[in-house]
Amino acid sequence: MLLFGQHLNIFSISKFLRLYASSPWLCVFLLLAVFKGLKIFVHTVSFYLWTRPATAPRNPTTTPADVTVIIPSVGEFGQDFKDTVESIIINGPARIIVSTVGLNMVKAAKLALLRIEGGNEIEVVSVDERDKRLQLLKAVQEVRTFVTVYADDHVIWPATFLRSALAPFEDPIVGLVATSKRVIRNRNMPFWDNFFNYIACIYLERHNFECTATNNIDGGVFVISGRTALARTSVLHSLEYRSEFQSEFFATIGPMKVDDDNFNTRFMVRHGWKTIFHNEPRATIETTLVDQTGKLGKFRGQLLRWTRTTWRSNLKSLVTDRACYRATPWTTYAMFFSSFINFAIFYDAALFYSLKWSGSGHMCSFLLLLLISKLIKPLQHLLREPQDWKWVPFGILFGYFHSFVKLYSMFTMGNIDWTGRQGITAKGSK
């Protein structure tokens, strides 16, 4: 704090100009530090002090009987699928619909469901091509309940999930709800699989942190993840939603199969619906990422797709939709604008060298604060899994490497293939 306390009086134009004349590199450092440090400080306070998830009243107006769950799948209907379906059945929704592709997969899905207690009551629908958007729309046509839940075929819900996650819908202007997520930790794998399973864990932990913090502040969420999302069915049934959802383009590229969850988030914001990130232990889902040997290639493809999605969706939020400026100004600064300059290896290097060249000293204090800032977001995972502290230095290095992944994704954001999943391509991809 001494580093910044000595310069708090710069925040007047005349004093700042005098400081710039005498020490331009110090001014550069302070501007960079304030832009990044303000977000970190506010989000830390928000996450740890302001998180107050909605609680259901004694007699809730929305219950599991008002829910239809849609599971889009093009998978093998193996153990992950079985675990997903069983965890959803325990929550007691009114209906479950599996949406898949082609007659062969319909037969495979029905055969897998017969091996699950209660699975024979689950409906199966299909479309002709591998396209998650079409699969979701096909199943939504069959929904007659107040709330529709999308769930990937590799998530596990706690038995208390629906009772907790439905609480935000007591507010009549809530349109979309997401909950916190965790990756199932598996250390019984070779070195690289073990490491990237850890990276996947902290990847979602960072997502939980950022979404919770911004939602506490201005109600903003940069994305409601499609792993599991609860939506107001009346919105999904609207002609405008259905038309736009199946005909989205990025510039002249499309129609798009990817970015469905980002579209849903932006659509709700644009039409005045609240988006809620419900960070409550009873609604925390688990998912599998690099949980077995041989899945590393899939995760690499997912990382690339997620990073390209961030570029596309943030540009749409800021340039095309523009609803975020009025609806969620803090999220606009902290997540959308910040994403364009948040290349860790370049930003941290700029901080380091601007302070060094300013001749102001305090390098040890700066490096300590920088290290602490790297620990804030993954801290919850590290407290749950203390064995993973040994991976922290490697995780930081991976964060710097990811800057190059992000840079590559910026130049290839026109590629709208569903990387990380075999058999799904996009004709509009460039």
Protein backbone atom coordinates (compact mmCIF):
# COMPACT_ATOMS: atom_id res chain seq x y z
CA MET A 1 0.00 0.00 0.00
CA LEU A 2 2.97 2.32 0.59
CA LEU A 3 3.66 2.15 -3.13
CA PHE A 4 0.29 3.70 -3.99
CA GLY A 5 -0.23 5.79 -0.85
CA GLN A 6 2.61 8.14 -1.69
CA HIS A 7 0.94 9.08 -4.97
CA LEU A 8 -2.73 9.42 -4.03
CA ASN A 9 -2.55 13.16 -4.68
CA ILE A 10 -2.02 12.69 -8.43
CA PHE A 11 -5.75 12.66 -9.11
CA SER A 12 -5.96 16.26 -10.20
CA ILE A 13 -5.06 17.20 -13.74
CA SER A 14 -2.48 19.83 -12.87
CA LYS A 15 -0.66 17.62 -10.36
CA PHE A 16 -0.76 14.68 -12.73
CA LEU A 17 0.73 16.78 -15.54
CA ARG A 18 3.52 17.98 -13.26
CA LEU A 19 4.19 14.40 -12.20
CA TYR A 20 4.18 13.27 -15.84
CA ALA A 21 6.71 15.96 -16.73
CA SER A 22 9.04 14.84 -13.96
CA SER A 23 8.44 11.05 -14.15
CA PRO A 24 6.51 9.85 -17.22
CA TRP A 25 7.22 6.18 -16.53
CA LEU A 26 5.76 6.47 -13.04
CA CYS A 27 2.58 7.90 -14.58
CA VAL A 28 2.39 5.00 -17.00
CA PHE A 29 2.80 2.56 -14.13
CA LEU A 30 0.13 4.26 -12.02
CA LEU A 31 -2.38 4.33 -14.86
CA LEU A 32 -1.84 0.64 -15.57
CA ALA A 33 -1.93 -0.25 -11.87
CA VAL A 34 -5.14 1.67 -11.21
CA PHE A 35 -6.93 0.21 -14.26
CA LYS A 36 -6.12 -3.34 -13.15
CA GLY A 37 -5.95 -2.88 -9.39
CA LEU A 38 -9.31 -1.16 -9.08
CA LYS A 39 -11.07 -4.15 -10.64
CA ILE A 40 -9.19 -6.66 -8.46
CA PHE A 41 -9.90 -4.74 -5.25
CA VAL A 42 -13.59 -4.13 -5.96
CA HIS A 43 -14.20 -7.70 -7.11
CA THR A 44 -12.47 -9.13 -4.03
CA VAL A 45 -14.61 -7.01 -1.71
CA SER A 46 -17.72 -7.86 -3.72
CA PHE A 47 -17.08 -11.62 -3.73
CA TYR A 48 -16.19 -12.00 -0.07
CA LEU A 49 -18.41 -9.36 1.55
CA TRP A 50 -21.41 -8.77 -0.72
CA THR A 51 -22.39 -12.26 -1.89
CA ARG A 52 -25.99 -12.85 -0.75
CA PRO A 53 -27.63 -15.55 -2.92
CA ALA A 54 -31.41 -15.54 -3.15
CA THR A 55 -33.22 -17.85 -0.77
CA ALA A 56 -36.55 -19.51 -1.54
CA PRO A 57 -39.50 -18.53 0.64
CA ARG A 58 -41.27 -21.14 2.73
CA ASN A 59 -43.94 -21.46 0.04
CA PRO A 60 -42.14 -20.78 -3.25
CA THR A 61 -44.12 -19.89 -6.36
CA THR A 62 -41.73 -21.91 -8.55
CA THR A 63 -40.89 -25.51 -7.64
CA PRO A 64 -39.24 -28.46 -9.43
CA ALA A 65 -42.70 -29.39 -10.71
CA ASP A 66 -42.53 -26.22 -12.83
CA VAL A 67 -39.32 -27.29 -14.58
CA THR A 68 -38.47 -29.13 -17.79
CA VAL A 69 -34.83 -30.17 -18.22
CA ILE A 70 -33.32 -30.41 -21.71
CA ILE A 71 -30.12 -32.43 -22.20
CA PRO A 72 -28.59 -31.83 -25.66
CA SER A 73 -26.18 -34.63 -26.49
CA VAL A 74 -24.17 -36.04 -29.36
CA GLY A 75 -22.14 -38.19 -27.01
CA GLU A 76 -21.68 -41.89 -26.41
CA PHE A 77 -24.34 -42.10 -23.66
CA GLY A 78 -21.81 -43.68 -21.33
CA GLN A 79 -21.08 -43.22 -17.63
CA ASP A 80 -21.02 -39.40 -17.74
CA PHE A 81 -24.46 -39.36 -19.35
CA LYS A 82 -25.79 -41.86 -16.80
CA ASP A 83 -24.45 -39.82 -13.86
CA THR A 84 -25.99 -36.65 -15.31
CA VAL A 85 -29.44 -38.14 -15.81
CA GLU A 86 -29.50 -39.80 -12.39
CA SER A 87 -28.56 -36.55 -10.65
CA ILE A 88 -31.30 -34.68 -12.50
CA ILE A 89 -33.97 -37.31 -11.75
CA ILE A 90 -33.24 -36.98 -8.02
CA ASN A 91 -34.17 -33.27 -8.26
CA GLY A 92 -37.69 -34.18 -9.38
CA PRO A 93 -38.37 -31.98 -12.44
CA ALA A 94 -41.69 -32.30 -14.24
CA ARG A 95 -40.06 -33.56 -17.45
CA ILE A 96 -36.67 -34.46 -18.89
CA ILE A 97 -36.03 -34.34 -22.63
CA VAL A 98 -32.88 -35.65 -24.31
CA SER A 99 -32.25 -33.93 -27.63
CA THR A 100 -29.86 -35.75 -29.95
CA VAL A 101 -29.05 -36.25 -33.65
CA GLY A 102 -30.37 -38.88 -36.04
CA LEU A 103 -32.21 -42.18 -35.56
CA ASN A 104 -29.12 -44.14 -34.52
CA MET A 105 -28.44 -41.79 -31.61
CA VAL A 106 -32.11 -41.83 -30.64
CA LYS A 107 -31.87 -45.62 -30.34
CA ALA A 108 -28.60 -45.38 -28.39
CA ALA A 109 -30.06 -42.76 -26.02
CA LYS A 110 -33.20 -44.81 -25.35
CA LEU A 111 -31.12 -47.94 -24.72
CA ALA A 112 -28.93 -46.02 -22.24
CA LEU A 113 -32.00 -44.60 -20.49
CA LEU A 114 -33.46 -48.07 -20.00
CA ARG A 115 -30.48 -48.86 -17.77
CA ILE A 116 -31.33 -45.92 -15.49
CA GLU A 117 -34.01 -46.12 -12.84
CA GLY A 118 -36.83 -43.85 -14.03
CA GLY A 119 -35.13 -43.42 -17.42
CA ASN A 120 -38.00 -45.03 -19.32
CA GLU A 121 -40.09 -41.92 -18.60
CA ILE A 122 -37.58 -39.60 -20.28
CA GLU A 123 -38.44 -38.35 -23.76
CA VAL A 124 -35.96 -38.37 -26.65
CA VAL A 125 -36.18 -36.04 -29.65
CA SER A 126 -33.77 -35.52 -32.52
CA VAL A 127 -32.68 -33.25 -35.35
CA ASP A 128 -30.89 -34.13 -38.59
CA GLU A 129 -27.50 -32.45 -37.97
CA ARG A 130 -25.09 -31.89 -35.09
CA ASP A 131 -26.11 -28.42 -34.02
CA LYS A 132 -26.72 -27.64 -30.35
CA ARG A 133 -28.90 -24.65 -31.22
CA LEU A 134 -31.22 -26.75 -33.35
CA GLN A 135 -31.28 -29.46 -30.69
CA LEU A 136 -32.29 -26.96 -28.02
CA LEU A 137 -35.00 -25.36 -30.18
CA LYS A 138 -36.41 -28.77 -31.09
CA ALA A 139 -36.78 -29.70 -27.42
CA VAL A 140 -38.05 -26.27 -26.33
CA GLN A 141 -41.04 -26.76 -28.63
CA GLU A 142 -42.18 -29.54 -26.30
CA VAL A 143 -41.82 -27.53 -23.08
CA ARG A 144 -44.98 -26.45 -21.24
CA THR A 145 -43.50 -25.58 -17.84
CA PHE A 146 -42.66 -22.14 -16.45
CA VAL A 147 -38.88 -22.76 -16.37
CA THR A 148 -36.64 -24.55 -18.87
CA VAL A 149 -33.25 -25.83 -17.77
CA TYR A 150 -30.45 -26.60 -20.22
CA ALA A 151 -27.96 -29.18 -18.89
CA ASP A 152 -24.90 -30.58 -20.63
CA ASP A 153 -24.53 -34.36 -20.69
CA HIS A 154 -21.50 -34.36 -18.36
CA VAL A 155 -22.69 -32.39 -15.31
CA ILE A 156 -23.73 -33.64 -11.90
CA TRP A 157 -26.35 -31.81 -9.86
CA PRO A 158 -26.60 -32.02 -6.08
CA ALA A 159 -29.96 -33.27 -4.80
CA THR A 160 -30.74 -29.72 -3.62
CA PHE A 161 -29.99 -28.08 -6.97
CA LEU A 162 -33.44 -27.13 -8.24
CA ARG A 163 -34.83 -26.10 -4.86
CA SER A 164 -31.95 -23.63 -4.50
CA ALA A 165 -31.47 -22.50 -8.12
CA LEU A 166 -35.17 -21.66 -8.62
CA ALA A 167 -35.14 -19.07 -5.82
CA PRO A 168 -34.19 -16.13 -8.09
CA PHE A 169 -37.36 -16.69 -10.15
CA GLU A 170 -39.39 -15.29 -7.25
CA ASP A 171 -38.38 -12.00 -8.88
CA PRO A 172 -40.74 -11.57 -11.88
CA ILE A 173 -38.12 -9.89 -14.08
CA VAL A 174 -35.46 -12.60 -13.78
CA GLY A 175 -34.99 -14.24 -17.17
CA LEU A 176 -31.84 -16.34 -16.87
CA VAL A 177 -30.01 -17.98 -13.97
CA ALA A 178 -26.65 -19.73 -13.70
CA THR A 179 -25.02 -21.35 -10.70
CA SER A 180 -21.46 -21.95 -9.54
CA LYS A 181 -19.53 -24.84 -11.07
CA ARG A 182 -16.63 -27.08 -10.11
CA VAL A 183 -14.48 -29.46 -12.08
CA ILE A 184 -14.13 -32.94 -10.59
CA ARG A 185 -10.49 -33.23 -9.45
CA ASN A 186 -8.63 -36.38 -10.44
CA ARG A 187 -4.94 -36.66 -9.52
CA ASN A 188 -4.57 -40.32 -10.54
CA MET A 189 -3.32 -39.48 -14.02
CA PRO A 190 0.00 -38.80 -15.77
CA PHE A 191 1.70 -35.45 -15.15
CA TRP A 192 0.21 -33.40 -18.00
CA ASP A 193 -3.32 -34.74 -17.58
CA ASN A 194 -3.10 -34.06 -13.85
CA PHE A 195 -1.84 -30.53 -14.46
CA PHE A 196 -4.50 -29.63 -17.02
CA ASN A 197 -7.21 -31.07 -14.80
CA TYR A 198 -5.95 -28.53 -12.21
CA ILE A 199 -6.00 -25.79 -14.85
CA ALA A 200 -9.60 -26.70 -15.68
CA CYS A 201 -10.49 -26.50 -11.98
CA ILE A 202 -9.13 -22.99 -11.54
CA TYR A 203 -10.54 -21.94 -14.92
CA LEU A 204 -14.06 -22.50 -13.63
CA GLU A 205 -13.13 -21.10 -10.21
CA ARG A 206 -12.11 -17.84 -11.89
CA HIS A 207 -15.41 -17.89 -13.78
CA ASN A 208 -17.32 -18.28 -10.50
CA PHE A 209 -15.36 -15.43 -8.92
CA GLU A 210 -15.83 -12.94 -11.75
CA CYS A 211 -19.51 -13.70 -12.35
CA THR A 212 -20.35 -13.53 -8.65
CA ALA A 213 -18.46 -10.26 -8.18
CA THR A 214 -19.99 -8.41 -11.13
CA ASN A 215 -23.48 -9.75 -10.46
CA ASN A 216 -23.27 -8.45 -6.90
CA ILE A 217 -22.30 -4.98 -8.13
CA ASP A 218 -24.60 -4.18 -11.05
CA GLY A 219 -26.42 -7.40 -11.92
CA GLY A 220 -24.10 -8.12 -14.84
CA VAL A 221 -22.75 -11.51 -15.91
CA PHE A 222 -20.39 -11.74 -18.87
CA VAL A 223 -21.89 -15.13 -19.75
CA ILE A 224 -24.45 -17.54 -18.32
CA SER A 225 -22.70 -20.83 -19.02
CA GLY A 226 -24.59 -23.46 -20.98
CA ARG A 227 -23.31 -26.27 -18.76
CA THR A 228 -26.46 -25.68 -16.75
CA ALA A 229 -28.71 -22.64 -17.16
CA LEU A 230 -32.27 -21.94 -16.04
CA ALA A 231 -34.40 -19.80 -18.37
CA ARG A 232 -37.90 -18.36 -18.36
CA THR A 233 -39.73 -20.50 -20.92
CA SER A 234 -41.90 -17.64 -22.22
CA VAL A 235 -38.73 -15.94 -23.51
CA LEU A 236 -37.53 -19.09 -25.26
CA HIS A 237 -40.95 -19.51 -26.91
CA SER A 238 -40.98 -15.98 -28.32
CA LEU A 239 -40.75 -15.71 -32.10
CA GLU A 240 -37.99 -13.09 -31.84
CA TYR A 241 -35.80 -15.35 -29.70
CA ARG A 242 -36.28 -18.43 -31.86
CA SER A 243 -35.63 -16.50 -35.07
CA GLU A 244 -32.46 -14.80 -33.83
CA PHE A 245 -31.12 -17.88 -32.04
CA GLN A 246 -30.98 -19.99 -35.20
CA SER A 247 -29.75 -17.23 -37.51
CA GLU A 248 -26.97 -15.48 -35.56
CA PHE A 249 -24.00 -14.19 -37.53
CA PHE A 250 -20.67 -12.72 -36.49
CA ALA A 251 -20.13 -9.98 -39.07
CA THR A 252 -20.74 -11.96 -42.28
CA ILE A 253 -19.83 -15.34 -40.76
CA GLY A 254 -22.54 -17.83 -39.89
CA PRO A 255 -25.13 -18.94 -39.12
CA MET A 256 -23.37 -19.93 -35.93
CA LYS A 257 -23.55 -23.19 -34.02
CA VAL A 258 -21.18 -22.03 -31.27
CA ASP A 259 -21.67 -19.25 -28.69
CA ASP A 260 -25.24 -20.28 -27.82
CA ASP A 261 -24.84 -19.43 -24.13
CA ASN A 262 -23.36 -16.00 -24.92
CA PHE A 263 -26.27 -15.30 -27.25
CA ASN A 264 -28.76 -16.20 -24.51
CA THR A 265 -27.03 -13.87 -22.05
CA ARG A 266 -26.93 -10.92 -24.42
CA PHE A 267 -30.53 -11.49 -25.54
CA MET A 268 -31.80 -11.30 -21.97
CA VAL A 269 -29.85 -8.11 -21.24
CA ARG A 270 -30.99 -6.51 -24.49
CA HIS A 271 -34.64 -7.21 -23.65
CA GLY A 272 -34.53 -6.00 -20.06
CA TRP A 273 -34.49 -9.34 -18.24
CA LYS A 274 -32.28 -9.83 -15.21
CA THR A 275 -29.44 -12.34 -15.45
CA ILE A 276 -28.51 -13.91 -12.10
CA PHE A 277 -25.39 -15.77 -11.03
CA HIS A 278 -26.58 -17.84 -8.07
CA ASN A 279 -23.45 -18.74 -6.11
CA GLU A 280 -24.87 -20.99 -3.42
CA PRO A 281 -23.35 -24.31 -2.24
CA ARG A 282 -26.64 -26.22 -2.55
CA ALA A 283 -26.79 -25.27 -6.25
CA THR A 284 -23.13 -25.89 -7.15
CA ILE A 285 -22.82 -28.36 -10.00
CA GLU A 286 -19.86 -30.56 -10.85
CA THR A 287 -18.54 -31.27 -14.32
CA THR A 288 -15.80 -33.29 -15.99
CA LEU A 289 -12.85 -31.67 -17.76
CA VAL A 290 -9.61 -33.60 -18.40
CA ASP A 291 -10.83 -36.09 -15.79
CA GLN A 292 -9.36 -39.08 -17.64
CA THR A 293 -6.23 -39.84 -19.62
CA GLY A 294 -6.77 -39.09 -23.30
CA LYS A 295 -9.02 -36.02 -22.90
CA LEU A 296 -6.23 -33.44 -23.07
CA GLY A 297 -6.73 -32.85 -26.81
CA LYS A 298 -10.41 -32.12 -26.28
CA PHE A 299 -9.59 -29.59 -23.55
CA ARG A 300 -7.11 -27.78 -25.81
CA GLY A 301 -9.85 -27.43 -28.41
CA GLN A 302 -12.29 -26.19 -25.77
CA LEU A 303 -9.86 -23.54 -24.54
CA LEU A 304 -9.41 -22.24 -28.06
CA ARG A 305 -13.17 -22.17 -28.68
CA TRP A 306 -13.91 -20.43 -25.38
CA THR A 307 -11.28 -17.77 -26.06
CA ARG A 308 -12.59 -17.10 -29.57
CA THR A 309 -16.11 -16.92 -28.14
CA THR A 310 -15.00 -14.25 -25.66
CA TRP A 311 -13.64 -12.05 -28.44
CA ARG A 312 -16.79 -12.41 -30.55
CA SER A 313 -19.31 -11.98 -27.76
CA ASN A 314 -17.59 -9.02 -26.09
CA LEU A 315 -17.36 -7.22 -29.42
CA LYS A 316 -21.07 -7.85 -29.98
CA SER A 317 -21.92 -6.58 -26.50
CA LEU A 318 -19.96 -3.36 -27.01
CA VAL A 319 -20.53 -2.64 -30.70
CA THR A 320 -23.72 -4.34 -31.86
CA ASP A 321 -25.99 -4.72 -28.83
CA ARG A 322 -24.72 -1.80 -26.70
CA ALA A 323 -27.33 -2.52 -24.01
CA CYS A 324 -24.54 -3.26 -21.53
CA TYR A 325 -23.49 0.40 -21.22
CA ARG A 326 -26.78 1.32 -19.57
CA ALA A 327 -27.75 -1.97 -17.95
CA THR A 328 -24.41 -3.07 -16.46
CA PRO A 329 -21.77 -0.28 -16.60
CA TRP A 330 -19.36 -1.88 -14.13
CA THR A 331 -19.43 -5.23 -15.94
CA THR A 332 -18.85 -3.34 -19.19
CA TYR A 333 -15.61 -1.88 -17.79
CA ALA A 334 -14.46 -4.83 -15.68
CA MET A 335 -15.18 -7.68 -18.10
CA PHE A 336 -15.80 -6.43 -21.63
CA PHE A 337 -13.31 -3.56 -22.02
CA SER A 338 -10.75 -5.19 -19.74
CA SER A 339 -10.74 -8.36 -21.83
CA PHE A 340 -9.24 -6.48 -24.78
CA ILE A 341 -6.09 -5.54 -22.87
CA ASN A 342 -5.89 -8.35 -20.33
CA PHE A 343 -2.94 -10.21 -21.84
CA ALA A 344 -1.21 -11.19 -18.61
CA ILE A 345 2.31 -11.58 -19.96
CA PHE A 346 2.28 -8.20 -21.74
CA TYR A 347 0.35 -6.29 -19.05
CA ASP A 348 2.49 -7.56 -16.17
CA ALA A 349 5.66 -6.86 -18.16
CA ALA A 350 4.43 -3.30 -18.80
CA LEU A 351 3.79 -2.85 -15.07
CA PHE A 352 7.20 -4.23 -14.16
CA TYR A 353 9.28 -2.23 -16.61
CA SER A 354 7.38 1.06 -16.22
CA LEU A 355 7.97 0.89 -12.44
CA LYS A 356 11.61 -0.12 -12.95
CA TRP A 357 12.29 2.67 -15.43
CA SER A 358 10.57 5.21 -13.20
CA GLY A 359 13.35 4.75 -10.63
CA SER A 360 10.81 4.81 -7.78
CA GLY A 361 11.90 1.53 -6.26
CA HIS A 362 9.38 -0.61 -4.35
CA MET A 363 10.00 -3.53 -6.71
CA CYS A 364 9.70 -6.15 -3.95
CA SER A 365 6.39 -4.67 -2.80
CA PHE A 366 5.11 -4.67 -6.37
CA LEU A 367 6.08 -8.31 -6.98
CA LEU A 368 4.45 -9.37 -3.72
CA LEU A 369 1.20 -7.59 -4.62
CA LEU A 370 1.32 -9.10 -8.10
CA LEU A 371 1.69 -12.61 -6.61
CA ILE A 372 -1.21 -12.02 -4.22
CA SER A 373 -3.38 -10.87 -7.11
CA LYS A 374 -2.72 -14.19 -8.86
CA LEU A 375 -3.98 -16.13 -5.84
CA ILE A 376 -7.28 -14.33 -5.23
CA LYS A 377 -9.42 -16.06 -7.87
CA PRO A 378 -8.23 -19.68 -7.42
CA LEU A 379 -8.14 -19.35 -3.61
CA GLN A 380 -11.43 -21.15 -2.99
CA HIS A 381 -10.21 -24.18 -4.93
CA LEU A 382 -6.84 -24.17 -3.15
CA LEU A 383 -8.53 -24.07 0.25
CA ARG A 384 -10.66 -27.08 -0.71
CA GLU A 385 -7.75 -28.91 -2.36
CA PRO A 386 -4.58 -27.98 -0.41
CA GLN A 387 -2.59 -30.59 -2.34
CA ASP A 388 -2.84 -28.31 -5.36
CA TRP A 389 -0.71 -25.50 -3.91
CA LYS A 390 2.27 -27.16 -5.60
CA TRP A 391 0.68 -26.39 -8.98
CA VAL A 392 0.34 -22.64 -8.31
CA PRO A 393 3.66 -21.55 -9.94
CA PHE A 394 2.87 -23.66 -13.02
CA GLY A 395 -0.65 -22.24 -13.11
CA ILE A 396 0.77 -18.71 -13.18
CA LEU A 397 3.10 -19.68 -16.02
CA PHE A 398 0.16 -21.19 -17.89
CA GLY A 399 -1.68 -17.87 -17.45
CA TYR A 400 1.20 -16.15 -19.24
CA PHE A 401 1.18 -18.80 -21.97
CA HIS A 402 -2.57 -18.31 -22.36
CA SER A 403 -1.84 -14.72 -23.45
CA PHE A 404 -0.52 -16.16 -26.71
CA VAL A 405 -3.57 -18.43 -27.03
CA LYS A 406 -5.71 -15.32 -26.61
CA LEU A 407 -3.67 -13.42 -29.19
CA TYR A 408 -3.99 -16.29 -31.67
CA SER A 409 -7.73 -16.44 -30.99
CA MET A 410 -8.06 -12.74 -31.74
CA PHE A 411 -6.70 -13.28 -35.24
CA THR A 412 -8.77 -16.44 -35.78
CA MET A 413 -12.07 -15.40 -34.17
CA GLY A 414 -13.69 -15.85 -37.58
CA ASN A 415 -13.29 -19.61 -37.08
CA ILE A 416 -16.64 -20.72 -35.68
CA ASP A 417 -15.97 -24.47 -35.64
CA TRP A 418 -16.94 -26.32 -32.47
CA THR A 419 -13.34 -27.19 -31.56
CA GLY A 420 -13.03 -29.76 -28.78
CA ARG A 421 -15.93 -31.87 -30.09
CA GLN A 422 -15.54 -34.18 -33.08
CA GLY A 423 -18.02 -34.12 -35.94
CA ILE A 424 -19.29 -30.56 -35.47
CA THR A 425 -18.15 -28.02 -38.04
CA ALA A 426 -19.50 -24.75 -39.36
CA LYS A 427 -19.89 -23.91 -43.01
CA GLY A 428 -19.46 -20.24 -42.21
CA SER A 429 -16.09 -20.76 -40.56
CA LYS A 430 -13.11 -18.99 -42.02
